[in-house]
Amino acid sequence: MLSKLSSLCSVCAVEARDHFKNGASSKSHKNRENFLRKAIICTLMTSVMCLTKNHLAAQNSTPEYTQWYVGVSAGASVFDNEESIPNIIGLQGAYFFNHRYGAGLVARKCNTFKTISSKNNTFHTAEDLFLGASFFAHWGRSGAKLFFPTRIGLGINQRDYFNSNTMRGNSKTIIGAHGSAGIAIRPSKLISFGVNAEFASSFDNMDSLELLGLNIGISFHF
């Protein structure tokens, strides 16, 4: 392709030189038409090849990224936690549109235990299960091993709890929200490890500090 283009451009150059050298003649009009036609073809082909080259260069300079992300995490409540550790378990999955932004789903289970009164040994246990959609982001320099994963979204939170004073349990499901931020290291293209702080709750239970947790997790990128 390049050789043909070079030959065509050389022919155009020679004809242009002869045209201006010989000046007007009986065949000048016809020669001028042929010259213009070849010059236009040469210009168009050169433009197409330049655009193609620039497009390929832009693709090569774009960092390669993995589109799918799945992570599992486990941790503990930061405040008012009398449960055994880990009392928080999470599962996340997302599709990334580029190396930084994605969208997916989050599932999080948190078990809490609080002694309300030591005199009559009253206690309260609760289990919160959150399921929701989330916006994912991996902040940091493209291609770096260290990055900062965050996510935020909306979903449904189901709370099952038991009160030893009344010996009764109850369940409540309501719309809620979640958020998470942390730091992770990616030693290879397919796996990463990290630590994050997260919170997930129904909107009527946002003051429950025991639902704020600190997790460690492992994630897979493919």
Protein backbone atom coordinates (compact mmCIF):
# COMPACT_ATOMS: atom_id res chain seq x y z
CA MET A 1 0.00 0.00 0.00
CA LEU A 2 2.77 2.42 0.92
CA SER A 3 4.75 1.60 -2.24
CA LYS A 4 1.72 2.15 -4.47
CA LEU A 5 0.99 5.44 -2.74
CA SER A 6 4.61 6.55 -3.18
CA SER A 7 4.56 5.65 -6.88
CA LEU A 8 1.31 7.54 -7.41
CA CYS A 9 2.61 10.61 -5.61
CA SER A 10 5.84 10.46 -7.68
CA VAL A 11 3.85 10.37 -10.89
CA CYS A 12 1.84 13.37 -9.71
CA ALA A 13 5.02 15.25 -8.90
CA VAL A 14 6.56 14.51 -12.31
CA GLU A 15 3.40 15.53 -14.14
CA ALA A 16 3.16 18.70 -12.10
CA ARG A 17 6.78 19.57 -12.99
CA ASP A 18 6.21 18.88 -16.70
CA HIS A 19 2.96 20.78 -16.64
CA PHE A 20 4.50 23.93 -15.23
CA LYS A 21 7.66 23.51 -17.30
CA ASN A 22 5.93 23.17 -20.67
CA GLY A 23 3.33 25.80 -20.03
CA ALA A 24 0.16 25.99 -22.05
CA SER A 25 -0.26 23.72 -25.06
CA SER A 26 -2.99 22.07 -27.06
CA LYS A 27 -3.08 19.24 -24.57
CA SER A 28 -2.73 21.39 -21.48
CA HIS A 29 -6.39 21.26 -20.61
CA LYS A 30 -6.50 17.47 -20.73
CA ASN A 31 -3.21 17.16 -18.89
CA ARG A 32 -4.48 19.54 -16.21
CA GLU A 33 -7.57 17.35 -15.65
CA ASN A 34 -5.47 14.19 -15.35
CA PHE A 35 -3.07 15.92 -13.00
CA LEU A 36 -5.86 17.21 -10.74
CA ARG A 37 -7.54 13.81 -10.68
CA LYS A 38 -4.36 12.03 -9.61
CA ALA A 39 -3.52 14.74 -7.08
CA ILE A 40 -6.93 14.38 -5.44
CA ILE A 41 -6.60 10.59 -5.27
CA CYS A 42 -3.11 10.90 -3.78
CA THR A 43 -4.30 13.42 -1.17
CA LEU A 44 -7.28 11.27 -0.16
CA MET A 45 -5.17 8.13 0.20
CA THR A 46 -2.57 9.99 2.24
CA SER A 47 -5.25 11.38 4.55
CA VAL A 48 -6.84 7.96 5.10
CA MET A 49 -3.49 6.36 5.92
CA CYS A 50 -2.59 9.16 8.34
CA LEU A 51 -5.93 8.84 10.13
CA THR A 52 -5.56 5.05 10.34
CA LYS A 53 -2.06 5.37 11.74
CA ASN A 54 -3.20 7.88 14.39
CA HIS A 55 -6.13 5.63 15.36
CA LEU A 56 -3.89 2.61 15.82
CA ALA A 57 -1.40 4.65 17.83
CA ALA A 58 -4.20 5.85 20.12
CA GLN A 59 -5.35 2.26 20.64
CA ASN A 60 -1.83 1.12 21.47
CA SER A 61 -1.40 3.94 23.98
CA THR A 62 -4.66 3.05 25.78
CA PRO A 63 -3.86 0.90 28.84
CA GLU A 64 -5.23 -2.63 28.75
CA TYR A 65 -7.76 -3.36 31.48
CA THR A 66 -9.83 -6.32 32.68
CA GLN A 67 -13.57 -5.92 32.23
CA TRP A 68 -14.88 -8.21 34.98
CA TYR A 69 -14.29 -7.94 38.71
CA VAL A 70 -15.34 -10.28 41.56
CA GLY A 71 -14.37 -9.82 45.20
CA VAL A 72 -14.99 -11.46 48.58
CA SER A 73 -14.31 -9.83 51.94
CA ALA A 74 -14.58 -10.52 55.67
CA GLY A 75 -14.18 -8.27 58.68
CA ALA A 76 -15.58 -6.89 61.90
CA SER A 77 -17.75 -4.06 63.16
CA VAL A 78 -15.78 -1.07 64.35
CA PHE A 79 -18.16 0.01 67.16
CA ASP A 80 -20.26 -1.86 69.75
CA ASN A 81 -19.23 -5.28 68.57
CA GLU A 82 -19.54 -8.21 70.96
CA GLU A 83 -19.82 -10.78 68.20
CA SER A 84 -17.09 -13.18 67.21
CA ILE A 85 -14.83 -12.12 64.34
CA PRO A 86 -15.50 -12.09 61.45
CA ASN A 87 -19.06 -10.87 61.78
CA ILE A 88 -19.17 -9.18 58.36
CA ILE A 89 -18.99 -11.06 55.05
CA GLY A 90 -19.29 -9.43 51.63
CA LEU A 91 -19.44 -10.38 47.97
CA GLN A 92 -19.08 -7.92 45.07
CA GLY A 93 -19.15 -8.24 41.31
CA ALA A 94 -18.90 -5.60 38.58
CA TYR A 95 -18.34 -4.91 34.91
CA PHE A 96 -15.81 -2.14 34.19
CA PHE A 97 -16.40 0.16 31.22
CA ASN A 98 -12.75 1.25 31.30
CA HIS A 99 -9.79 0.86 33.67
CA ARG A 100 -11.44 3.13 36.27
CA TYR A 101 -15.26 3.03 36.26
CA GLY A 102 -17.73 0.14 36.49
CA ALA A 103 -21.15 -0.95 37.73
CA GLY A 104 -22.28 -4.08 39.51
CA LEU A 105 -23.90 -5.75 42.52
CA VAL A 106 -23.07 -5.96 46.21
CA ALA A 107 -24.17 -8.49 48.87
CA ARG A 108 -23.25 -7.93 52.52
CA LYS A 109 -24.17 -9.79 55.70
CA CYS A 110 -23.50 -8.34 59.16
CA ASN A 111 -24.25 -10.05 62.50
CA THR A 112 -24.24 -7.87 65.62
CA PHE A 113 -24.63 -8.56 69.33
CA LYS A 114 -25.11 -6.01 72.12
CA THR A 115 -25.69 -6.45 75.85
CA ILE A 116 -28.37 -3.95 76.73
CA SER A 117 -28.59 -4.60 80.48
CA SER A 118 -26.13 -6.60 82.59
CA LYS A 119 -28.53 -6.83 85.57
CA ASN A 120 -31.03 -9.19 83.95
CA ASN A 121 -28.64 -10.28 81.19
CA THR A 122 -30.76 -8.72 78.48
CA PHE A 123 -29.18 -8.84 75.04
CA HIS A 124 -30.04 -8.03 71.46
CA THR A 125 -28.88 -9.83 68.34
CA ALA A 126 -29.41 -8.71 64.78
CA GLU A 127 -28.59 -9.91 61.30
CA ASP A 128 -28.51 -7.41 58.45
CA LEU A 129 -28.48 -8.62 54.87
CA PHE A 130 -27.94 -5.95 52.22
CA LEU A 131 -28.40 -6.52 48.48
CA GLY A 132 -27.98 -3.69 46.02
CA ALA A 133 -26.63 -2.17 42.84
CA SER A 134 -23.42 -0.17 43.00
CA PHE A 135 -21.17 2.23 41.12
CA PHE A 136 -17.54 1.05 41.28
CA ALA A 137 -14.37 3.08 40.84
CA HIS A 138 -10.70 2.14 41.01
CA TRP A 139 -8.72 5.32 41.56
CA GLY A 140 -5.03 5.59 40.87
CA ARG A 141 -2.52 5.70 38.06
CA SER A 142 -3.31 3.33 35.22
CA GLY A 143 -1.16 0.22 35.31
CA ALA A 144 0.08 0.84 38.88
CA LYS A 145 0.05 -1.99 41.42
CA LEU A 146 -1.47 0.22 44.12
CA PHE A 147 -4.99 1.60 43.68
CA PHE A 148 -7.93 2.88 45.74
CA PRO A 149 -11.23 0.99 45.25
CA THR A 150 -14.50 2.71 46.12
CA ARG A 151 -18.16 1.90 45.61
CA ILE A 152 -21.50 3.47 46.42
CA GLY A 153 -25.05 2.41 45.69
CA LEU A 154 -28.64 1.69 46.68
CA GLY A 155 -30.45 -1.52 47.56
CA ILE A 156 -32.62 -3.40 50.02
CA ASN A 157 -31.64 -4.15 53.61
CA GLN A 158 -33.33 -6.92 55.58
CA ARG A 159 -32.91 -6.91 59.35
CA ASP A 160 -33.73 -9.97 61.46
CA TYR A 161 -33.32 -9.43 65.19
CA PHE A 162 -34.02 -11.16 68.52
CA ASN A 163 -34.59 -9.57 71.91
CA SER A 164 -33.97 -11.81 74.94
CA ASN A 165 -36.17 -9.62 77.16
CA THR A 166 -39.28 -10.31 75.12
CA MET A 167 -38.01 -13.64 73.69
CA ARG A 168 -39.34 -12.56 70.35
CA GLY A 169 -37.82 -11.97 66.98
CA ASN A 170 -38.81 -9.70 64.14
CA SER A 171 -37.88 -9.00 60.55
CA LYS A 172 -37.96 -5.79 58.57
CA THR A 173 -37.04 -5.04 54.95
CA ILE A 174 -36.57 -1.51 53.71
CA ILE A 175 -34.63 0.43 51.09
CA GLY A 176 -31.11 1.45 52.09
CA ALA A 177 -27.68 2.48 50.87
CA HIS A 178 -24.07 1.44 51.15
CA GLY A 179 -20.62 2.90 50.65
CA SER A 180 -17.05 1.65 50.77
CA ALA A 181 -13.52 3.04 50.40
CA GLY A 182 -10.15 1.39 50.78
CA ILE A 183 -6.69 0.65 49.47
CA ALA A 184 -5.55 -2.39 47.50
CA ILE A 185 -2.48 -3.83 45.86
CA ARG A 186 -2.54 -5.78 42.60
CA PRO A 187 0.56 -7.98 42.36
CA SER A 188 -0.66 -9.51 39.10
CA LYS A 189 -3.19 -8.75 36.39
CA LEU A 190 -5.69 -11.30 37.71
CA ILE A 191 -5.70 -10.79 41.49
CA SER A 192 -5.60 -8.05 44.14
CA PHE A 193 -5.69 -7.77 47.95
CA GLY A 194 -6.99 -4.88 50.02
CA VAL A 195 -8.41 -3.32 53.15
CA ASN A 196 -11.55 -1.19 53.19
CA ALA A 197 -14.00 0.55 55.48
CA GLU A 198 -17.66 0.13 54.58
CA PHE A 199 -21.18 0.81 55.77
CA ALA A 200 -24.52 -0.61 54.63
CA SER A 201 -27.91 -0.09 56.23
CA SER A 202 -31.56 0.70 55.67
CA PHE A 203 -32.42 4.40 55.64
CA ASP A 204 -34.24 4.19 58.99
CA ASN A 205 -31.22 2.62 60.69
CA MET A 206 -28.41 4.87 59.53
CA ASP A 207 -27.33 5.68 63.11
CA SER A 208 -26.34 2.05 63.81
CA LEU A 209 -22.58 2.42 64.19
CA GLU A 210 -22.19 -1.34 64.65
CA LEU A 211 -22.91 -1.68 60.92
CA LEU A 212 -19.72 0.24 60.11
CA GLY A 213 -17.04 -2.34 59.40
CA LEU A 214 -13.39 -2.79 58.53
CA ASN A 215 -12.71 -5.60 56.06
CA ILE A 216 -9.90 -7.40 54.33
CA GLY A 217 -10.60 -8.89 50.94
CA ILE A 218 -9.35 -10.66 47.87
CA SER A 219 -10.49 -9.77 44.36
CA PHE A 220 -10.21 -11.37 40.95
CA HIS A 221 -9.95 -9.45 37.67
CA PHE A 222 -10.61 -11.12 34.34
